[in-house]
Amino acid sequence: MLISDTPDVIRLLADPLRAQIVDLLAQGPACTCHLVADTGAKQPNVSGHLRQLRDAGLVVAEPRGRFTYYRLLPDALEAAAAHLADLAAQARANAEARREC
């Protein structure tokens, strides 16, 4: 089951570079050139990860002059966190509810 209606947020964040990009964007909007400098990754690689994050609804692109800034959308992360919290609550509540063989 997916965490959201869009591609699996948890799977996307499992990639170390995407997780690093999300961490950086949590500090505020940044353009690709900032993310390349901060991560040390190549520009096409960062752009590809940003595209996946944008397609999943985790970031939004905001053109400003010659540059495009990317901003993290906290609602998508909160929805994934809420789903994980619900799973944890279910697991806790059903920890002793074994099914008979």
PDB file of N, CA and C in Angstrom:
ATOM      1  N   MET A   1       0.840  -1.181   0.000  1.00  0.00           N
ATOM      2  CA  MET A   1       0.000   0.000   0.000  1.00  0.00           C
ATOM      3  C   MET A   1       0.883   1.241   0.000  1.00  0.00           C
ATOM      4  N   LEU A   2       0.513   2.186  -0.808  1.00  0.00           N
ATOM      5  CA  LEU A   2       1.271   3.429  -0.874  1.00  0.00           C
ATOM      6  C   LEU A   2       0.918   4.325   0.302  1.00  0.00           C
ATOM      7  N   ILE A   3       1.852   5.127   0.702  1.00  0.00           N
ATOM      8  CA  ILE A   3       1.637   6.072   1.790  1.00  0.00           C
ATOM      9  C   ILE A   3       0.695   7.193   1.338  1.00  0.00           C
ATOM     10  N   SER A   4       0.725   7.531   0.068  1.00  0.00           N
ATOM     11  CA  SER A   4      -0.139   8.581  -0.457  1.00  0.00           C
ATOM     12  C   SER A   4      -0.687   8.128  -1.797  1.00  0.00           C
ATOM     13  N   ASP A   5      -1.551   8.954  -2.405  1.00  0.00           N
ATOM     14  CA  ASP A   5      -2.092   8.637  -3.720  1.00  0.00           C
ATOM     15  C   ASP A   5      -1.028   8.763  -4.803  1.00  0.00           C
ATOM     16  N   THR A   6       0.002   9.521  -4.537  1.00  0.00           N
ATOM     17  CA  THR A   6       1.100   9.707  -5.468  1.00  0.00           C
ATOM     18  C   THR A   6       2.172   8.663  -5.158  1.00  0.00           C
ATOM     19  N   PRO A   7       3.274   8.656  -5.867  1.00  0.00           N
ATOM     20  CA  PRO A   7       4.302   7.644  -5.580  1.00  0.00           C
ATOM     21  C   PRO A   7       4.666   7.595  -4.103  1.00  0.00           C
ATOM     22  N   ASP A   8       5.061   6.452  -3.663  1.00  0.00           N
ATOM     23  CA  ASP A   8       5.323   6.190  -2.258  1.00  0.00           C
ATOM     24  C   ASP A   8       6.364   7.146  -1.686  1.00  0.00           C
ATOM     25  N   VAL A   9       5.931   7.990  -0.758  1.00  0.00           N
ATOM     26  CA  VAL A   9       6.792   9.011  -0.161  1.00  0.00           C
ATOM     27  C   VAL A   9       7.956   8.373   0.578  1.00  0.00           C
ATOM     28  N   ILE A  10       7.674   7.319   1.308  1.00  0.00           N
ATOM     29  CA  ILE A  10       8.730   6.659   2.073  1.00  0.00           C
ATOM     30  C   ILE A  10       9.786   6.089   1.134  1.00  0.00           C
ATOM     31  N   ARG A  11       9.371   5.479   0.045  1.00  0.00           N
ATOM     32  CA  ARG A  11      10.317   4.939  -0.934  1.00  0.00           C
ATOM     33  C   ARG A  11      11.158   6.057  -1.528  1.00  0.00           C
ATOM     34  N   LEU A  12      10.545   7.184  -1.816  1.00  0.00           N
ATOM     35  CA  LEU A  12      11.292   8.312  -2.371  1.00  0.00           C
ATOM     36  C   LEU A  12      12.337   8.831  -1.388  1.00  0.00           C
ATOM     37  N   LEU A  13      11.965   8.887  -0.118  1.00  0.00           N
ATOM     38  CA  LEU A  13      12.880   9.427   0.887  1.00  0.00           C
ATOM     39  C   LEU A  13      13.954   8.426   1.303  1.00  0.00           C
ATOM     40  N   ALA A  14      13.825   7.181   0.857  1.00  0.00           N
ATOM     41  CA  ALA A  14      14.831   6.168   1.181  1.00  0.00           C
ATOM     42  C   ALA A  14      16.134   6.416   0.421  1.00  0.00           C
ATOM     43  N   ASP A  15      16.055   7.163  -0.674  1.00  0.00           N
ATOM     44  CA  ASP A  15      17.266   7.485  -1.427  1.00  0.00           C
ATOM     45  C   ASP A  15      18.046   8.551  -0.659  1.00  0.00           C
ATOM     46  N   PRO A  16      19.321   8.309  -0.373  1.00  0.00           N
ATOM     47  CA  PRO A  16      20.094   9.264   0.440  1.00  0.00           C
ATOM     48  C   PRO A  16      20.165  10.675  -0.144  1.00  0.00           C
ATOM     49  N   LEU A  17      20.327  10.802  -1.458  1.00  0.00           N
ATOM     50  CA  LEU A  17      20.423  12.137  -2.046  1.00  0.00           C
ATOM     51  C   LEU A  17      19.078  12.849  -1.989  1.00  0.00           C
ATOM     52  N   ARG A  18      17.982  12.138  -2.284  1.00  0.00           N
ATOM     53  CA  ARG A  18      16.662  12.772  -2.183  1.00  0.00           C
ATOM     54  C   ARG A  18      16.379  13.184  -0.742  1.00  0.00           C
ATOM     55  N   ALA A  19      16.750  12.341   0.211  1.00  0.00           N
ATOM     56  CA  ALA A  19      16.552  12.690   1.622  1.00  0.00           C
ATOM     57  C   ALA A  19      17.357  13.931   1.978  1.00  0.00           C
ATOM     58  N   GLN A  20      18.571  14.032   1.462  1.00  0.00           N
ATOM     59  CA  GLN A  20      19.399  15.205   1.720  1.00  0.00           C
ATOM     60  C   GLN A  20      18.769  16.450   1.094  1.00  0.00           C
ATOM     61  N   ILE A  21      18.238  16.321  -0.107  1.00  0.00           N
ATOM     62  CA  ILE A  21      17.572  17.452  -0.773  1.00  0.00           C
ATOM     63  C   ILE A  21      16.369  17.907   0.048  1.00  0.00           C
ATOM     64  N   VAL A  22      15.576  16.953   0.541  1.00  0.00           N
ATOM     65  CA  VAL A  22      14.416  17.298   1.365  1.00  0.00           C
ATOM     66  C   VAL A  22      14.872  17.993   2.644  1.00  0.00           C
ATOM     67  N   ASP A  23      15.943  17.495   3.264  1.00  0.00           N
ATOM     68  CA  ASP A  23      16.489  18.152   4.459  1.00  0.00           C
ATOM     69  C   ASP A  23      16.883  19.596   4.152  1.00  0.00           C
ATOM     70  N   LEU A  24      17.537  19.807   3.025  1.00  0.00           N
ATOM     71  CA  LEU A  24      17.962  21.162   2.649  1.00  0.00           C
ATOM     72  C   LEU A  24      16.760  22.061   2.371  1.00  0.00           C
ATOM     73  N   LEU A  25      15.749  21.517   1.696  1.00  0.00           N
ATOM     74  CA  LEU A  25      14.568  22.322   1.381  1.00  0.00           C
ATOM     75  C   LEU A  25      13.730  22.609   2.628  1.00  0.00           C
ATOM     76  N   ALA A  26      13.864  21.802   3.665  1.00  0.00           N
ATOM     77  CA  ALA A  26      13.168  22.081   4.921  1.00  0.00           C
ATOM     78  C   ALA A  26      13.704  23.369   5.547  1.00  0.00           C
ATOM     79  N   GLN A  27      14.917  23.751   5.174  1.00  0.00           N
ATOM     80  CA  GLN A  27      15.523  24.981   5.681  1.00  0.00           C
ATOM     81  C   GLN A  27      15.051  26.205   4.908  1.00  0.00           C
ATOM     82  N   GLY A  28      14.358  25.990   3.796  1.00  0.00           N
ATOM     83  CA  GLY A  28      13.829  27.083   2.988  1.00  0.00           C
ATOM     84  C   GLY A  28      14.007  26.796   1.509  1.00  0.00           C
ATOM     85  N   PRO A  29      13.288  27.535   0.661  1.00  0.00           N
ATOM     86  CA  PRO A  29      13.390  27.322  -0.785  1.00  0.00           C
ATOM     87  C   PRO A  29      14.825  27.493  -1.280  1.00  0.00           C
ATOM     88  N   ALA A  30      15.154  26.726  -2.313  1.00  0.00           N
ATOM     89  CA  ALA A  30      16.494  26.794  -2.901  1.00  0.00           C
ATOM     90  C   ALA A  30      16.395  26.493  -4.387  1.00  0.00           C
ATOM     91  N   CYS A  31      17.336  27.036  -5.137  1.00  0.00           N
ATOM     92  CA  CYS A  31      17.386  26.718  -6.564  1.00  0.00           C
ATOM     93  C   CYS A  31      18.339  25.539  -6.760  1.00  0.00           C
ATOM     94  N   THR A  32      18.324  25.007  -7.950  1.00  0.00           N
ATOM     95  CA  THR A  32      19.146  23.839  -8.261  1.00  0.00           C
ATOM     96  C   THR A  32      20.617  24.122  -8.001  1.00  0.00           C
ATOM     97  N   CYS A  33      21.085  25.319  -8.329  1.00  0.00           N
ATOM     98  CA  CYS A  33      22.503  25.632  -8.128  1.00  0.00           C
ATOM     99  C   CYS A  33      22.889  25.553  -6.655  1.00  0.00           C
ATOM    100  N   HIS A  34      21.980  25.963  -5.752  1.00  0.00           N
ATOM    101  CA  HIS A  34      22.251  25.847  -4.314  1.00  0.00           C
ATOM    102  C   HIS A  34      22.320  24.378  -3.902  1.00  0.00           C
ATOM    103  N   LEU A  35      21.376  23.598  -4.403  1.00  0.00           N
ATOM    104  CA  LEU A  35      21.316  22.183  -4.034  1.00  0.00           C
ATOM    105  C   LEU A  35      22.521  21.418  -4.572  1.00  0.00           C
ATOM    106  N   VAL A  36      22.984  21.777  -5.762  1.00  0.00           N
ATOM    107  CA  VAL A  36      24.190  21.154  -6.328  1.00  0.00           C
ATOM    108  C   VAL A  36      25.394  21.478  -5.439  1.00  0.00           C
ATOM    109  N   ALA A  37      25.522  22.734  -5.058  1.00  0.00           N
ATOM    110  CA  ALA A  37      26.648  23.144  -4.214  1.00  0.00           C
ATOM    111  C   ALA A  37      26.589  22.479  -2.841  1.00  0.00           C
ATOM    112  N   ASP A  38      25.398  22.398  -2.267  1.00  0.00           N
ATOM    113  CA  ASP A  38      25.249  21.846  -0.918  1.00  0.00           C
ATOM    114  C   ASP A  38      25.409  20.335  -0.865  1.00  0.00           C
ATOM    115  N   THR A  39      25.029  19.635  -1.945  1.00  0.00           N
ATOM    116  CA  THR A  39      25.097  18.168  -1.934  1.00  0.00           C
ATOM    117  C   THR A  39      26.373  17.633  -2.567  1.00  0.00           C
ATOM    118  N   GLY A  40      26.972  18.406  -3.471  1.00  0.00           N
ATOM    119  CA  GLY A  40      28.129  17.927  -4.202  1.00  0.00           C
ATOM    120  C   GLY A  40      27.762  17.010  -5.351  1.00  0.00           C
ATOM    121  N   ALA A  41      26.478  16.851  -5.606  1.00  0.00           N
ATOM    122  CA  ALA A  41      26.006  16.001  -6.700  1.00  0.00           C
ATOM    123  C   ALA A  41      26.022  16.791  -8.013  1.00  0.00           C
ATOM    124  N   LYS A  42      25.973  16.077  -9.110  1.00  0.00           N
ATOM    125  CA  LYS A  42      25.932  16.709 -10.431  1.00  0.00           C
ATOM    126  C   LYS A  42      24.542  17.303 -10.677  1.00  0.00           C
ATOM    127  N   GLN A  43      24.498  18.386 -11.448  1.00  0.00           N
ATOM    128  CA  GLN A  43      23.250  19.096 -11.710  1.00  0.00           C
ATOM    129  C   GLN A  43      22.178  18.199 -12.331  1.00  0.00           C
ATOM    130  N   PRO A  44      22.491  17.362 -13.347  1.00  0.00           N
ATOM    131  CA  PRO A  44      21.436  16.507 -13.906  1.00  0.00           C
ATOM    132  C   PRO A  44      20.862  15.528 -12.872  1.00  0.00           C
ATOM    133  N   ASN A  45      21.713  15.054 -11.969  1.00  0.00           N
ATOM    134  CA  ASN A  45      21.261  14.133 -10.930  1.00  0.00           C
ATOM    135  C   ASN A  45      20.305  14.844  -9.968  1.00  0.00           C
ATOM    136  N   VAL A  46      20.672  16.036  -9.520  1.00  0.00           N
ATOM    137  CA  VAL A  46      19.815  16.809  -8.624  1.00  0.00           C
ATOM    138  C   VAL A  46      18.503  17.143  -9.316  1.00  0.00           C
ATOM    139  N   SER A  47      18.568  17.546 -10.578  1.00  0.00           N
ATOM    140  CA  SER A  47      17.350  17.878 -11.326  1.00  0.00           C
ATOM    141  C   SER A  47      16.424  16.676 -11.446  1.00  0.00           C
ATOM    142  N   GLY A  48      16.982  15.505 -11.677  1.00  0.00           N
ATOM    143  CA  GLY A  48      16.174  14.289 -11.770  1.00  0.00           C
ATOM    144  C   GLY A  48      15.470  13.972 -10.454  1.00  0.00           C
ATOM    145  N   HIS A  49      16.187  14.128  -9.364  1.00  0.00           N
ATOM    146  CA  HIS A  49      15.576  13.883  -8.054  1.00  0.00           C
ATOM    147  C   HIS A  49      14.504  14.928  -7.750  1.00  0.00           C
ATOM    148  N   LEU A  50      14.746  16.173  -8.116  1.00  0.00           N
ATOM    149  CA  LEU A  50      13.734  17.211  -7.923  1.00  0.00           C
ATOM    150  C   LEU A  50      12.484  16.914  -8.737  1.00  0.00           C
ATOM    151  N   ARG A  51      12.654  16.407  -9.946  1.00  0.00           N
ATOM    152  CA  ARG A  51      11.505  16.046 -10.781  1.00  0.00           C
ATOM    153  C   ARG A  51      10.671  14.964 -10.085  1.00  0.00           C
ATOM    154  N   GLN A  52      11.342  13.942  -9.523  1.00  0.00           N
ATOM    155  CA  GLN A  52      10.614  12.881  -8.827  1.00  0.00           C
ATOM    156  C   GLN A  52       9.892  13.417  -7.594  1.00  0.00           C
ATOM    157  N   LEU A  53      10.533  14.285  -6.857  1.00  0.00           N
ATOM    158  CA  LEU A  53       9.905  14.884  -5.683  1.00  0.00           C
ATOM    159  C   LEU A  53       8.735  15.774  -6.079  1.00  0.00           C
ATOM    160  N   ARG A  54       8.884  16.492  -7.183  1.00  0.00           N
ATOM    161  CA  ARG A  54       7.799  17.343  -7.684  1.00  0.00           C
ATOM    162  C   ARG A  54       6.626  16.489  -8.159  1.00  0.00           C
ATOM    163  N   ASP A  55       6.912  15.413  -8.899  1.00  0.00           N
ATOM    164  CA  ASP A  55       5.857  14.524  -9.382  1.00  0.00           C
ATOM    165  C   ASP A  55       5.087  13.869  -8.237  1.00  0.00           C
ATOM    166  N   ALA A  56       5.777  13.630  -7.124  1.00  0.00           N
ATOM    167  CA  ALA A  56       5.141  13.020  -5.952  1.00  0.00           C
ATOM    168  C   ALA A  56       4.385  14.030  -5.101  1.00  0.00           C
ATOM    169  N   GLY A  57       4.492  15.308  -5.439  1.00  0.00           N
ATOM    170  CA  GLY A  57       3.793  16.338  -4.687  1.00  0.00           C
ATOM    171  C   GLY A  57       4.498  16.745  -3.411  1.00  0.00           C
ATOM    172  N   LEU A  58       5.805  16.470  -3.324  1.00  0.00           N
ATOM    173  CA  LEU A  58       6.570  16.848  -2.137  1.00  0.00           C
ATOM    174  C   LEU A  58       7.197  18.229  -2.256  1.00  0.00           C
ATOM    175  N   VAL A  59       7.467  18.663  -3.476  1.00  0.00           N
ATOM    176  CA  VAL A  59       8.025  19.992  -3.693  1.00  0.00           C
ATOM    177  C   VAL A  59       7.266  20.675  -4.820  1.00  0.00           C
ATOM    178  N   VAL A  60       7.364  21.988  -4.833  1.00  0.00           N
ATOM    179  CA  VAL A  60       6.766  22.782  -5.899  1.00  0.00           C
ATOM    180  C   VAL A  60       7.863  23.674  -6.470  1.00  0.00           C
ATOM    181  N   ALA A  61       7.822  23.856  -7.782  1.00  0.00           N
ATOM    182  CA  ALA A  61       8.788  24.725  -8.471  1.00  0.00           C
ATOM    183  C   ALA A  61       8.184  26.118  -8.596  1.00  0.00           C
ATOM    184  N   GLU A  62       9.011  27.130  -8.277  1.00  0.00           N
ATOM    185  CA  GLU A  62       8.575  28.520  -8.345  1.00  0.00           C
ATOM    186  C   GLU A  62       9.582  29.321  -9.157  1.00  0.00           C
ATOM    187  N   PRO A  63       9.243  29.651 -10.421  1.00  0.00           N
ATOM    188  CA  PRO A  63      10.165  30.429 -11.244  1.00  0.00           C
ATOM    189  C   PRO A  63      10.346  31.840 -10.685  1.00  0.00           C
ATOM    190  N   ARG A  64      11.615  32.273 -10.633  1.00  0.00           N
ATOM    191  CA  ARG A  64      11.955  33.641 -10.205  1.00  0.00           C
ATOM    192  C   ARG A  64      13.072  34.134 -11.105  1.00  0.00           C
ATOM    193  N   GLY A  65      12.685  34.916 -12.078  1.00  0.00           N
ATOM    194  CA  GLY A  65      13.671  35.415 -13.038  1.00  0.00           C
ATOM    195  C   GLY A  65      14.276  34.269 -13.826  1.00  0.00           C
ATOM    196  N   ARG A  66      15.606  34.218 -13.851  1.00  0.00           N
ATOM    197  CA  ARG A  66      16.307  33.167 -14.591  1.00  0.00           C
ATOM    198  C   ARG A  66      16.352  31.845 -13.839  1.00  0.00           C
ATOM    199  N   PHE A  67      15.963  31.854 -12.582  1.00  0.00           N
ATOM    200  CA  PHE A  67      16.117  30.678 -11.733  1.00  0.00           C
ATOM    201  C   PHE A  67      14.768  30.095 -11.340  1.00  0.00           C
ATOM    202  N   THR A  68      14.791  28.826 -11.015  1.00  0.00           N
ATOM    203  CA  THR A  68      13.613  28.149 -10.475  1.00  0.00           C
ATOM    204  C   THR A  68      13.954  27.709  -9.057  1.00  0.00           C
ATOM    205  N   TYR A  69      13.160  28.166  -8.123  1.00  0.00           N
ATOM    206  CA  TYR A  69      13.338  27.780  -6.729  1.00  0.00           C
ATOM    207  C   TYR A  69      12.388  26.641  -6.417  1.00  0.00           C
ATOM    208  N   TYR A  70      12.841  25.735  -5.582  1.00  0.00           N
ATOM    209  CA  TYR A  70      12.033  24.601  -5.160  1.00  0.00           C
ATOM    210  C   TYR A  70      11.700  24.773  -3.686  1.00  0.00           C
ATOM    211  N   ARG A  71      10.425  24.523  -3.367  1.00  0.00           N
ATOM    212  CA  ARG A  71       9.939  24.677  -1.998  1.00  0.00           C
ATOM    213  C   ARG A  71       9.295  23.378  -1.557  1.00  0.00           C
ATOM    214  N   LEU A  72       9.606  22.942  -0.355  1.00  0.00           N
ATOM    215  CA  LEU A  72       9.061  21.723   0.228  1.00  0.00           C
ATOM    216  C   LEU A  72       7.616  21.959   0.644  1.00  0.00           C
ATOM    217  N   LEU A  73       6.746  20.989   0.363  1.00  0.00           N
ATOM    218  CA  LEU A  73       5.339  21.065   0.758  1.00  0.00           C
ATOM    219  C   LEU A  73       5.135  20.194   2.004  1.00  0.00           C
ATOM    220  N   PRO A  74       4.999  20.809   3.163  1.00  0.00           N
ATOM    221  CA  PRO A  74       4.935  20.046   4.408  1.00  0.00           C
ATOM    222  C   PRO A  74       3.715  19.135   4.525  1.00  0.00           C
ATOM    223  N   ASP A  75       2.614  19.468   3.863  1.00  0.00           N
ATOM    224  CA  ASP A  75       1.403  18.645   3.972  1.00  0.00           C
ATOM    225  C   ASP A  75       1.650  17.209   3.505  1.00  0.00           C
ATOM    226  N   ALA A  76       2.439  17.034   2.439  1.00  0.00           N
ATOM    227  CA  ALA A  76       2.711  15.687   1.936  1.00  0.00           C
ATOM    228  C   ALA A  76       3.524  14.885   2.946  1.00  0.00           C
ATOM    229  N   LEU A  77       4.487  15.525   3.592  1.00  0.00           N
ATOM    230  CA  LEU A  77       5.278  14.841   4.619  1.00  0.00           C
ATOM    231  C   LEU A  77       4.422  14.532   5.842  1.00  0.00           C
ATOM    232  N   GLU A  78       3.559  15.459   6.215  1.00  0.00           N
ATOM    233  CA  GLU A  78       2.683  15.229   7.360  1.00  0.00           C
ATOM    234  C   GLU A  78       1.719  14.082   7.097  1.00  0.00           C
ATOM    235  N   ALA A  79       1.214  13.962   5.868  1.00  0.00           N
ATOM    236  CA  ALA A  79       0.316  12.857   5.531  1.00  0.00           C
ATOM    237  C   ALA A  79       1.043  11.522   5.644  1.00  0.00           C
ATOM    238  N   ALA A  80       2.274  11.455   5.162  1.00  0.00           N
ATOM    239  CA  ALA A  80       3.058  10.220   5.277  1.00  0.00           C
ATOM    240  C   ALA A  80       3.340   9.897   6.737  1.00  0.00           C
ATOM    241  N   ALA A  81       3.680  10.908   7.522  1.00  0.00           N
ATOM    242  CA  ALA A  81       3.956  10.701   8.942  1.00  0.00           C
ATOM    243  C   ALA A  81       2.693  10.228   9.672  1.00  0.00           C
ATOM    244  N   ALA A  82       1.550  10.794   9.333  1.00  0.00           N
ATOM    245  CA  ALA A  82       0.290  10.386   9.964  1.00  0.00           C
ATOM    246  C   ALA A  82      -0.038   8.935   9.629  1.00  0.00           C
ATOM    247  N   HIS A  83       0.215   8.547   8.376  1.00  0.00           N
ATOM    248  CA  HIS A  83      -0.046   7.159   7.986  1.00  0.00           C
ATOM    249  C   HIS A  83       0.860   6.208   8.769  1.00  0.00           C
ATOM    250  N   LEU A  84       2.126   6.552   8.910  1.00  0.00           N
ATOM    251  CA  LEU A  84       3.051   5.720   9.679  1.00  0.00           C
ATOM    252  C   LEU A  84       2.640   5.671  11.151  1.00  0.00           C
ATOM    253  N   ALA A  85       2.180   6.777  11.695  1.00  0.00           N
ATOM    254  CA  ALA A  85       1.724   6.807  13.084  1.00  0.00           C
ATOM    255  C   ALA A  85       0.496   5.904  13.262  1.00  0.00           C
ATOM    256  N   ASP A  86      -0.410   5.916  12.276  1.00  0.00           N
ATOM    257  CA  ASP A  86      -1.577   5.031  12.329  1.00  0.00           C
ATOM    258  C   ASP A  86      -1.158   3.566  12.297  1.00  0.00           C
ATOM    259  N   LEU A  87      -0.193   3.236  11.446  1.00  0.00           N
ATOM    260  CA  LEU A  87       0.300   1.857  11.385  1.00  0.00           C
ATOM    261  C   LEU A  87       0.923   1.441  12.714  1.00  0.00           C
ATOM    262  N   ALA A  88       1.684   2.334  13.315  1.00  0.00           N
ATOM    263  CA  ALA A  88       2.305   2.037  14.612  1.00  0.00           C
ATOM    264  C   ALA A  88       1.233   1.819  15.677  1.00  0.00           C
ATOM    265  N   ALA A  89       0.187   2.631  15.674  1.00  0.00           N
ATOM    266  CA  ALA A  89      -0.897   2.477  16.645  1.00  0.00           C
ATOM    267  C   ALA A  89      -1.621   1.150  16.450  1.00  0.00           C
ATOM    268  N   GLN A  90      -1.868   0.770  15.204  1.00  0.00           N
ATOM    269  CA  GLN A  90      -2.502  -0.525  14.919  1.00  0.00           C
ATOM    270  C   GLN A  90      -1.624  -1.671  15.404  1.00  0.00           C
ATOM    271  N   ALA A  91      -0.334  -1.593  15.121  1.00  0.00           N
ATOM    272  CA  ALA A  91       0.591  -2.649  15.530  1.00  0.00           C
ATOM    273  C   ALA A  91       0.631  -2.761  17.053  1.00  0.00           C
ATOM    274  N   ARG A  92       0.613  -1.632  17.734  1.00  0.00           N
ATOM    275  CA  ARG A  92       0.631  -1.636  19.196  1.00  0.00           C
ATOM    276  C   ARG A  92      -0.651  -2.245  19.745  1.00  0.00           C
ATOM    277  N   ALA A  93      -1.795  -1.851  19.167  1.00  0.00           N
ATOM    278  CA  ALA A  93      -3.090  -2.345  19.636  1.00  0.00           C
ATOM    279  C   ALA A  93      -3.278  -3.831  19.363  1.00  0.00           C
ATOM    280  N   ASN A  94      -2.676  -4.333  18.306  1.00  0.00           N
ATOM    281  CA  ASN A  94      -2.877  -5.726  17.899  1.00  0.00           C
ATOM    282  C   ASN A  94      -1.671  -6.604  18.169  1.00  0.00           C
ATOM    283  N   ALA A  95      -0.765  -6.167  19.023  1.00  0.00           N
ATOM    284  CA  ALA A  95       0.482  -6.908  19.273  1.00  0.00           C
ATOM    285  C   ALA A  95       0.219  -8.307  19.816  1.00  0.00           C
ATOM    286  N   GLU A  96      -0.846  -8.496  20.550  1.00  0.00           N
ATOM    287  CA  GLU A  96      -1.141  -9.797  21.144  1.00  0.00           C
ATOM    288  C   GLU A  96      -2.255 -10.546  20.402  1.00  0.00           C
ATOM    289  N   ALA A  97      -2.776  -9.982  19.347  1.00  0.00           N
ATOM    290  CA  ALA A  97      -3.892 -10.590  18.599  1.00  0.00           C
ATOM    291  C   ALA A  97      -3.369 -11.536  17.524  1.00  0.00           C
ATOM    292  N   ARG A  98      -2.908 -12.702  17.975  1.00  0.00           N
ATOM    293  CA  ARG A  98      -2.387 -13.692  17.023  1.00  0.00           C
ATOM    294  C   ARG A  98      -3.522 -14.430  16.349  1.00  0.00           C
ATOM    295  N   ARG A  99      -3.350 -14.698  15.080  1.00  0.00           N
ATOM    296  CA  ARG A  99      -4.304 -15.523  14.345  1.00  0.00           C
ATOM    297  C   ARG A  99      -3.940 -16.980  14.533  1.00  0.00           C
ATOM    298  N   GLU A 100      -4.926 -17.794  14.748  1.00  0.00           N
ATOM    299  CA  GLU A 100      -4.682 -19.225  14.908  1.00  0.00           C
ATOM    300  C   GLU A 100      -4.379 -19.865  13.561  1.00  0.00           C
ATOM    301  N   CYS A 101      -3.485 -20.833  13.584  1.00  0.00           N
ATOM    302  CA  CYS A 101      -3.127 -21.574  12.360  1.00  0.00           C
ATOM    303  C   CYS A 101      -4.123 -22.677  12.109  1.00  0.00           C
TER     304      CYS A 101
END
